[in-house]
Amino acid sequence: MKRIKLIYTLALTLLIALSACTTSDLDPSLEQNKSVEGSITSVDNVYGILKGAYSRMTASGYYGRDIIINNEVRTDNCFSNGNSGRFTTEASMTYNANTGFFWDEAYAAIASANIIIATDISALTGDQDYGRH
């Protein structure tokens, strides 16, 4: 009797484990992003995109740290050794596919600026004078 209960328990556990997660559950969803077409309806939406661009520019992956230290580590102003494990590739002037990561932040900020430039402020609701700045 105990063996039958064990078999049923293992079978039920295996069934739950195999059916609990499908590939659609594993696909990432981007709920924090919204489409550009038709989603910018007010001046506040444009201001939010502008603040996002500023946030990307001050992030540690861009002007907050990495783009400055990438230039400084190649000069006499500072150095990087193997102890920290950071910026050693840039310090030794050997570039590879992983050293251009700060361009991702730059292109994201440029994309936000392009959205703002392409937006017709006069068609938006809200303070028009505020939107023209």
Foldseek 3Di string as FASTA:
>chain_A
DVVVVVVVVVVVVVVCVVPVDDVVNVDDDCPVDDDLPPPQAALVVLVVLLVVLVCLCCDCLHVVPDVVVLVVCCDPNDHDDPPVVPCPCSNVVHDDPPNVRSVVSVVSSVVSVVSLVPDDLVRHDDDSVVSVD
